[in-house]
PDB file of N, CA and C in Angstrom:
ATOM      1  N   MET A   1     -50.647 155.202  88.153  1.00  0.00           N
ATOM      2  CA  MET A   1     -51.188 156.299  87.378  1.00  0.00           C
ATOM      3  C   MET A   1     -50.621 156.299  85.960  1.00  0.00           C
ATOM      4  N   VAL A   2     -49.324 156.162  85.848  1.00  0.00           N
ATOM      5  CA  VAL A   2     -48.678 156.173  84.529  1.00  0.00           C
ATOM      6  C   VAL A   2     -49.120 154.967  83.706  1.00  0.00           C
ATOM      7  N   VAL A   3     -49.203 153.823  84.340  1.00  0.00           N
ATOM      8  CA  VAL A   3     -49.629 152.614  83.639  1.00  0.00           C
ATOM      9  C   VAL A   3     -51.085 152.757  83.192  1.00  0.00           C
ATOM     10  N   GLY A   4     -51.888 153.398  84.001  1.00  0.00           N
ATOM     11  CA  GLY A   4     -53.282 153.629  83.636  1.00  0.00           C
ATOM     12  C   GLY A   4     -53.418 154.509  82.406  1.00  0.00           C
ATOM     13  N   ILE A   5     -52.583 155.516  82.305  1.00  0.00           N
ATOM     14  CA  ILE A   5     -52.597 156.386  81.130  1.00  0.00           C
ATOM     15  C   ILE A   5     -52.187 155.597  79.892  1.00  0.00           C
ATOM     16  N   GLY A   6     -51.154 154.781  80.027  1.00  0.00           N
ATOM     17  CA  GLY A   6     -50.725 153.935  78.910  1.00  0.00           C
ATOM     18  C   GLY A   6     -51.810 152.952  78.497  1.00  0.00           C
ATOM     19  N   ALA A   7     -52.513 152.402  79.479  1.00  0.00           N
ATOM     20  CA  ALA A   7     -53.603 151.466  79.177  1.00  0.00           C
ATOM     21  C   ALA A   7     -54.742 152.189  78.463  1.00  0.00           C
ATOM     22  N   LEU A   8     -55.022 153.420  78.858  1.00  0.00           N
ATOM     23  CA  LEU A   8     -56.059 154.206  78.192  1.00  0.00           C
ATOM     24  C   LEU A   8     -55.676 154.493  76.740  1.00  0.00           C
ATOM     25  N   PHE A   9     -54.419 154.872  76.516  1.00  0.00           N
ATOM     26  CA  PHE A   9     -53.938 155.113  75.147  1.00  0.00           C
ATOM     27  C   PHE A   9     -54.044 153.839  74.313  1.00  0.00           C
ATOM     28  N   ALA A  10     -53.643 152.716  74.888  1.00  0.00           N
ATOM     29  CA  ALA A  10     -53.719 151.435  74.173  1.00  0.00           C
ATOM     30  C   ALA A  10     -55.174 151.062  73.899  1.00  0.00           C
ATOM     31  N   LEU A  11     -56.060 151.339  74.833  1.00  0.00           N
ATOM     32  CA  LEU A  11     -57.482 151.046  74.647  1.00  0.00           C
ATOM     33  C   LEU A  11     -58.058 151.845  73.474  1.00  0.00           C
ATOM     34  N   VAL A  12     -57.680 153.094  73.355  1.00  0.00           N
ATOM     35  CA  VAL A  12     -58.141 153.911  72.228  1.00  0.00           C
ATOM     36  C   VAL A  12     -57.674 153.285  70.919  1.00  0.00           C
ATOM     37  N   GLU A  13     -56.436 152.834  70.874  1.00  0.00           N
ATOM     38  CA  GLU A  13     -55.903 152.206  69.668  1.00  0.00           C
ATOM     39  C   GLU A  13     -56.669 150.917  69.344  1.00  0.00           C
ATOM     40  N   VAL A  14     -56.952 150.124  70.361  1.00  0.00           N
ATOM     41  CA  VAL A  14     -57.663 148.860  70.151  1.00  0.00           C
ATOM     42  C   VAL A  14     -59.097 149.114  69.681  1.00  0.00           C
ATOM     43  N   VAL A  15     -59.748 150.108  70.246  1.00  0.00           N
ATOM     44  CA  VAL A  15     -61.111 150.435  69.811  1.00  0.00           C
ATOM     45  C   VAL A  15     -61.093 150.867  68.346  1.00  0.00           C
ATOM     46  N   TYR A  16     -60.110 151.669  67.971  1.00  0.00           N
ATOM     47  CA  TYR A  16     -60.000 152.093  66.568  1.00  0.00           C
ATOM     48  C   TYR A  16     -59.769 150.888  65.657  1.00  0.00           C
ATOM     49  N   ILE A  17     -58.887 149.998  66.059  1.00  0.00           N
ATOM     50  CA  ILE A  17     -58.625 148.789  65.263  1.00  0.00           C
ATOM     51  C   ILE A  17     -59.915 147.998  65.071  1.00  0.00           C
ATOM     52  N   LEU A  18     -60.628 147.768  66.159  1.00  0.00           N
ATOM     53  CA  LEU A  18     -61.869 146.994  66.082  1.00  0.00           C
ATOM     54  C   LEU A  18     -62.898 147.661  65.186  1.00  0.00           C
ATOM     55  N   MET A  19     -63.001 148.977  65.275  1.00  0.00           N
ATOM     56  CA  MET A  19     -63.974 149.678  64.453  1.00  0.00           C
ATOM     57  C   MET A  19     -63.636 149.562  62.969  1.00  0.00           C
ATOM     58  N   VAL A  20     -62.350 149.633  62.632  1.00  0.00           N
ATOM     59  CA  VAL A  20     -61.947 149.517  61.225  1.00  0.00           C
ATOM     60  C   VAL A  20     -62.139 148.087  60.740  1.00  0.00           C
ATOM     61  N   VAL A  21     -61.654 147.135  61.494  1.00  0.00           N
ATOM     62  CA  VAL A  21     -61.711 145.733  61.067  1.00  0.00           C
ATOM     63  C   VAL A  21     -63.150 145.224  60.987  1.00  0.00           C
ATOM     64  N   LEU A  22     -63.993 145.667  61.905  1.00  0.00           N
ATOM     65  CA  LEU A  22     -65.381 145.210  61.904  1.00  0.00           C
ATOM     66  C   LEU A  22     -66.274 146.022  60.971  1.00  0.00           C
ATOM     67  N   GLY A  23     -65.710 147.024  60.304  1.00  0.00           N
ATOM     68  CA  GLY A  23     -66.436 147.767  59.281  1.00  0.00           C
ATOM     69  C   GLY A  23     -67.398 148.813  59.804  1.00  0.00           C
ATOM     70  N   ALA A  24     -66.997 149.554  60.818  1.00  0.00           N
ATOM     71  CA  ALA A  24     -67.859 150.612  61.350  1.00  0.00           C
ATOM     72  C   ALA A  24     -68.058 151.709  60.304  1.00  0.00           C
ATOM     73  N   ASN A  25     -69.171 152.391  60.416  1.00  0.00           N
ATOM     74  CA  ASN A  25     -69.501 153.491  59.514  1.00  0.00           C
ATOM     75  C   ASN A  25     -68.527 154.649  59.749  1.00  0.00           C
ATOM     76  N   GLN A  26     -67.677 154.932  58.766  1.00  0.00           N
ATOM     77  CA  GLN A  26     -66.654 155.957  58.938  1.00  0.00           C
ATOM     78  C   GLN A  26     -67.219 157.369  58.930  1.00  0.00           C
ATOM     79  N   ALA A  27     -68.468 157.535  58.533  1.00  0.00           N
ATOM     80  CA  ALA A  27     -69.110 158.847  58.562  1.00  0.00           C
ATOM     81  C   ALA A  27     -69.711 159.150  59.931  1.00  0.00           C
ATOM     82  N   ASN A  28     -69.726 158.173  60.825  1.00  0.00           N
ATOM     83  CA  ASN A  28     -70.287 158.335  62.153  1.00  0.00           C
ATOM     84  C   ASN A  28     -69.399 159.256  62.989  1.00  0.00           C
ATOM     85  N   ALA A  29     -70.024 160.097  63.824  1.00  0.00           N
ATOM     86  CA  ALA A  29     -69.290 161.055  64.648  1.00  0.00           C
ATOM     87  C   ALA A  29     -68.391 160.352  65.670  1.00  0.00           C
ATOM     88  N   PHE A  30     -68.856 159.243  66.257  1.00  0.00           N
ATOM     89  CA  PHE A  30     -68.037 158.535  67.231  1.00  0.00           C
ATOM     90  C   PHE A  30     -66.787 157.959  66.573  1.00  0.00           C
ATOM     91  N   PHE A  31     -66.953 157.405  65.368  1.00  0.00           N
ATOM     92  CA  PHE A  31     -65.799 156.884  64.638  1.00  0.00           C
ATOM     93  C   PHE A  31     -64.811 158.011  64.358  1.00  0.00           C
ATOM     94  N   GLY A  32     -65.315 159.157  63.940  1.00  0.00           N
ATOM     95  CA  GLY A  32     -64.446 160.302  63.677  1.00  0.00           C
ATOM     96  C   GLY A  32     -63.704 160.751  64.918  1.00  0.00           C
ATOM     97  N   PHE A  33     -64.392 160.730  66.064  1.00  0.00           N
ATOM     98  CA  PHE A  33     -63.747 161.105  67.319  1.00  0.00           C
ATOM     99  C   PHE A  33     -62.634 160.127  67.681  1.00  0.00           C
ATOM    100  N   ILE A  34     -62.932 158.842  67.600  1.00  0.00           N
ATOM    101  CA  ILE A  34     -61.921 157.828  67.934  1.00  0.00           C
ATOM    102  C   ILE A  34     -60.728 157.949  66.991  1.00  0.00           C
ATOM    103  N   ARG A  35     -60.986 158.147  65.699  1.00  0.00           N
ATOM    104  CA  ARG A  35     -59.887 158.291  64.741  1.00  0.00           C
ATOM    105  C   ARG A  35     -59.054 159.535  65.054  1.00  0.00           C
ATOM    106  N   SER A  36     -59.722 160.641  65.436  1.00  0.00           N
ATOM    107  CA  SER A  36     -58.990 161.874  65.731  1.00  0.00           C
ATOM    108  C   SER A  36     -58.119 161.745  66.980  1.00  0.00           C
ATOM    109  N   VAL A  37     -58.479 160.839  67.868  1.00  0.00           N
ATOM    110  CA  VAL A  37     -57.655 160.595  69.060  1.00  0.00           C
ATOM    111  C   VAL A  37     -56.598 159.534  68.767  1.00  0.00           C
ATOM    112  N   ALA A  38     -56.960 158.507  68.015  1.00  0.00           N
ATOM    113  CA  ALA A  38     -56.046 157.389  67.754  1.00  0.00           C
ATOM    114  C   ALA A  38     -54.886 157.779  66.843  1.00  0.00           C
ATOM    115  N   ASP A  39     -55.142 158.628  65.858  1.00  0.00           N
ATOM    116  CA  ASP A  39     -54.074 158.987  64.915  1.00  0.00           C
ATOM    117  C   ASP A  39     -52.874 159.651  65.585  1.00  0.00           C
ATOM    118  N   PRO A  40     -53.058 160.693  66.410  1.00  0.00           N
ATOM    119  CA  PRO A  40     -51.880 161.279  67.061  1.00  0.00           C
ATOM    120  C   PRO A  40     -51.208 160.327  68.052  1.00  0.00           C
ATOM    121  N   LEU A  41     -52.000 159.467  68.702  1.00  0.00           N
ATOM    122  CA  LEU A  41     -51.427 158.527  69.665  1.00  0.00           C
ATOM    123  C   LEU A  41     -50.617 157.434  68.974  1.00  0.00           C
ATOM    124  N   ALA A  42     -50.886 157.199  67.704  1.00  0.00           N
ATOM    125  CA  ALA A  42     -50.168 156.150  66.974  1.00  0.00           C
ATOM    126  C   ALA A  42     -48.757 156.579  66.597  1.00  0.00           C
ATOM    127  N   LEU A  43     -48.454 157.844  66.796  1.00  0.00           N
ATOM    128  CA  LEU A  43     -47.120 158.405  66.544  1.00  0.00           C
ATOM    129  C   LEU A  43     -46.653 158.111  65.128  1.00  0.00           C
ATOM    130  N   PHE A  44     -45.547 157.399  65.011  1.00  0.00           N
ATOM    131  CA  PHE A  44     -44.936 157.111  63.710  1.00  0.00           C
ATOM    132  C   PHE A  44     -45.325 155.740  63.166  1.00  0.00           C
ATOM    133  N   PHE A  45     -46.209 155.021  63.831  1.00  0.00           N
ATOM    134  CA  PHE A  45     -46.538 153.661  63.419  1.00  0.00           C
ATOM    135  C   PHE A  45     -47.425 153.551  62.169  1.00  0.00           C
ATOM    136  N   PRO A  46     -48.422 154.429  61.963  1.00  0.00           N
ATOM    137  CA  PRO A  46     -49.211 154.295  60.729  1.00  0.00           C
ATOM    138  C   PRO A  46     -48.321 154.459  59.497  1.00  0.00           C
ATOM    139  N   GLY A  47     -48.447 153.533  58.594  1.00  0.00           N
ATOM    140  CA  GLY A  47     -47.618 153.563  57.394  1.00  0.00           C
ATOM    141  C   GLY A  47     -46.290 152.851  57.555  1.00  0.00           C
ATOM    142  N   LEU A  48     -46.008 152.347  58.728  1.00  0.00           N
ATOM    143  CA  LEU A  48     -44.753 151.623  58.938  1.00  0.00           C
ATOM    144  C   LEU A  48     -44.716 150.376  58.071  1.00  0.00           C
ATOM    145  N   PHE A  49     -45.834 149.666  58.037  1.00  0.00           N
ATOM    146  CA  PHE A  49     -45.977 148.504  57.165  1.00  0.00           C
ATOM    147  C   PHE A  49     -47.110 148.794  56.195  1.00  0.00           C
ATOM    148  N   THR A  50     -46.815 148.785  54.915  1.00  0.00           N
ATOM    149  CA  THR A  50     -47.857 148.986  53.907  1.00  0.00           C
ATOM    150  C   THR A  50     -48.231 147.621  53.342  1.00  0.00           C
ATOM    151  N   LEU A  51     -49.469 147.267  53.546  1.00  0.00           N
ATOM    152  CA  LEU A  51     -49.960 145.972  53.103  1.00  0.00           C
ATOM    153  C   LEU A  51     -51.101 146.179  52.116  1.00  0.00           C
ATOM    154  N   SER A  52     -51.339 145.203  51.280  1.00  0.00           N
ATOM    155  CA  SER A  52     -52.420 145.321  50.305  1.00  0.00           C
ATOM    156  C   SER A  52     -53.799 145.300  50.975  1.00  0.00           C
ATOM    157  N   ASN A  53     -53.916 144.620  52.094  1.00  0.00           N
ATOM    158  CA  ASN A  53     -55.172 144.574  52.841  1.00  0.00           C
ATOM    159  C   ASN A  53     -55.136 145.663  53.915  1.00  0.00           C
ATOM    160  N   ASN A  54     -55.981 146.663  53.771  1.00  0.00           N
ATOM    161  CA  ASN A  54     -55.998 147.798  54.698  1.00  0.00           C
ATOM    162  C   ASN A  54     -56.311 147.369  56.126  1.00  0.00           C
ATOM    163  N   ASP A  55     -57.226 146.421  56.305  1.00  0.00           N
ATOM    164  CA  ASP A  55     -57.597 145.987  57.657  1.00  0.00           C
ATOM    165  C   ASP A  55     -56.411 145.390  58.395  1.00  0.00           C
ATOM    166  N   ILE A  56     -55.642 144.572  57.717  1.00  0.00           N
ATOM    167  CA  ILE A  56     -54.462 143.970  58.351  1.00  0.00           C
ATOM    168  C   ILE A  56     -53.405 145.035  58.618  1.00  0.00           C
ATOM    169  N   GLY A  57     -53.283 145.992  57.706  1.00  0.00           N
ATOM    170  CA  GLY A  57     -52.353 147.098  57.920  1.00  0.00           C
ATOM    171  C   GLY A  57     -52.701 147.909  59.154  1.00  0.00           C
ATOM    172  N   VAL A  58     -53.976 148.207  59.335  1.00  0.00           N
ATOM    173  CA  VAL A  58     -54.428 148.940  60.525  1.00  0.00           C
ATOM    174  C   VAL A  58     -54.183 148.098  61.770  1.00  0.00           C
ATOM    175  N   LEU A  59     -54.486 146.821  61.681  1.00  0.00           N
ATOM    176  CA  LEU A  59     -54.279 145.922  62.821  1.00  0.00           C
ATOM    177  C   LEU A  59     -52.815 145.907  63.250  1.00  0.00           C
ATOM    178  N   ILE A  60     -51.919 145.782  62.309  1.00  0.00           N
ATOM    179  CA  ILE A  60     -50.495 145.703  62.647  1.00  0.00           C
ATOM    180  C   ILE A  60     -49.953 147.057  63.114  1.00  0.00           C
ATOM    181  N   ASN A  61     -50.196 148.111  62.338  1.00  0.00           N
ATOM    182  CA  ASN A  61     -49.616 149.414  62.658  1.00  0.00           C
ATOM    183  C   ASN A  61     -50.166 150.006  63.947  1.00  0.00           C
ATOM    184  N   TYR A  62     -51.471 150.000  64.110  1.00  0.00           N
ATOM    185  CA  TYR A  62     -52.055 150.563  65.329  1.00  0.00           C
ATOM    186  C   TYR A  62     -51.901 149.594  66.503  1.00  0.00           C
ATOM    187  N   GLY A  63     -51.820 148.304  66.219  1.00  0.00           N
ATOM    188  CA  GLY A  63     -51.536 147.332  67.274  1.00  0.00           C
ATOM    189  C   GLY A  63     -50.148 147.528  67.854  1.00  0.00           C
ATOM    190  N   LEU A  64     -49.188 147.833  66.995  1.00  0.00           N
ATOM    191  CA  LEU A  64     -47.837 148.131  67.474  1.00  0.00           C
ATOM    192  C   LEU A  64     -47.827 149.389  68.335  1.00  0.00           C
ATOM    193  N   ALA A  65     -48.628 150.367  67.951  1.00  0.00           N
ATOM    194  CA  ALA A  65     -48.723 151.590  68.755  1.00  0.00           C
ATOM    195  C   ALA A  65     -49.299 151.276  70.141  1.00  0.00           C
ATOM    196  N   ALA A  66     -50.305 150.405  70.197  1.00  0.00           N
ATOM    197  CA  ALA A  66     -50.894 150.029  71.485  1.00  0.00           C
ATOM    198  C   ALA A  66     -49.869 149.322  72.367  1.00  0.00           C
ATOM    199  N   VAL A  67     -49.134 148.398  71.786  1.00  0.00           N
ATOM    200  CA  VAL A  67     -48.094 147.686  72.546  1.00  0.00           C
ATOM    201  C   VAL A  67     -47.009 148.666  72.990  1.00  0.00           C
ATOM    202  N   PHE A  68     -46.650 149.592  72.115  1.00  0.00           N
ATOM    203  CA  PHE A  68     -45.648 150.613  72.442  1.00  0.00           C
ATOM    204  C   PHE A  68     -46.053 151.383  73.696  1.00  0.00           C
ATOM    205  N   TRP A  69     -47.316 151.847  73.745  1.00  0.00           N
ATOM    206  CA  TRP A  69     -47.759 152.617  74.908  1.00  0.00           C
ATOM    207  C   TRP A  69     -47.740 151.785  76.180  1.00  0.00           C
ATOM    208  N   LEU A  70     -48.111 150.526  76.086  1.00  0.00           N
ATOM    209  CA  LEU A  70     -48.090 149.676  77.279  1.00  0.00           C
ATOM    210  C   LEU A  70     -46.662 149.454  77.775  1.00  0.00           C
ATOM    211  N   VAL A  71     -45.742 149.219  76.855  1.00  0.00           N
ATOM    212  CA  VAL A  71     -44.345 148.968  77.238  1.00  0.00           C
ATOM    213  C   VAL A  71     -43.690 150.235  77.784  1.00  0.00           C
ATOM    214  N   VAL A  72     -43.840 151.335  77.078  1.00  0.00           N
ATOM    215  CA  VAL A  72     -43.179 152.571  77.491  1.00  0.00           C
ATOM    216  C   VAL A  72     -43.705 153.070  78.837  1.00  0.00           C
ATOM    217  N   THR A  73     -45.011 153.063  79.019  1.00  0.00           N
ATOM    218  CA  THR A  73     -45.538 153.520  80.297  1.00  0.00           C
ATOM    219  C   THR A  73     -45.207 152.541  81.427  1.00  0.00           C
ATOM    220  N   GLY A  74     -45.081 151.261  81.118  1.00  0.00           N
ATOM    221  CA  GLY A  74     -44.634 150.298  82.111  1.00  0.00           C
ATOM    222  C   GLY A  74     -43.209 150.582  82.563  1.00  0.00           C
ATOM    223  N   ILE A  75     -42.359 150.906  81.611  1.00  0.00           N
ATOM    224  CA  ILE A  75     -40.963 151.234  81.937  1.00  0.00           C
ATOM    225  C   ILE A  75     -40.893 152.530  82.755  1.00  0.00           C
ATOM    226  N   ILE A  76     -41.659 153.523  82.335  1.00  0.00           N
ATOM    227  CA  ILE A  76     -41.662 154.806  83.077  1.00  0.00           C
ATOM    228  C   ILE A  76     -42.171 154.598  84.497  1.00  0.00           C
ATOM    229  N   ALA A  77     -43.199 153.783  84.669  1.00  0.00           N
ATOM    230  CA  ALA A  77     -43.740 153.516  86.000  1.00  0.00           C
ATOM    231  C   ALA A  77     -42.690 152.838  86.886  1.00  0.00           C
ATOM    232  N   ARG A  78     -41.949 151.918  86.309  1.00  0.00           N
ATOM    233  CA  ARG A  78     -40.896 151.242  87.094  1.00  0.00           C
ATOM    234  C   ARG A  78     -39.799 152.212  87.491  1.00  0.00           C
ATOM    235  N   LEU A  79     -39.464 153.111  86.595  1.00  0.00           N
ATOM    236  CA  LEU A  79     -38.426 154.093  86.915  1.00  0.00           C
ATOM    237  C   LEU A  79     -38.878 155.058  88.008  1.00  0.00           C
ATOM    238  N   LEU A  80     -40.157 155.371  88.030  1.00  0.00           N
ATOM    239  CA  LEU A  80     -40.675 156.293  89.035  1.00  0.00           C
ATOM    240  C   LEU A  80     -40.813 155.653  90.418  1.00  0.00           C
ATOM    241  N   ARG A  81     -40.840 154.332  90.494  1.00  0.00           N
ATOM    242  CA  ARG A  81     -40.963 153.660  91.784  1.00  0.00           C
ATOM    243  C   ARG A  81     -39.679 153.711  92.490  1.00  0.00           C
TER     244      ARG A  81
END
């Protein structure tokens, strides 16, 4: 259950990354919804690395957040077993 929640959080981050990198319409309601969910889940990672290319910055910062959720929920799941 805990790992599933972490995977869901990571999936939201990955979907946001893909939408930004692939150039999704930012005025679209679905994009706005994903961004509104992805931003709080990214915690302190957005802005951790400031790069001149915004797409690479989003990839790295939100990608780190996705990996963070997978690792942390994996550790919590092991502790609960």
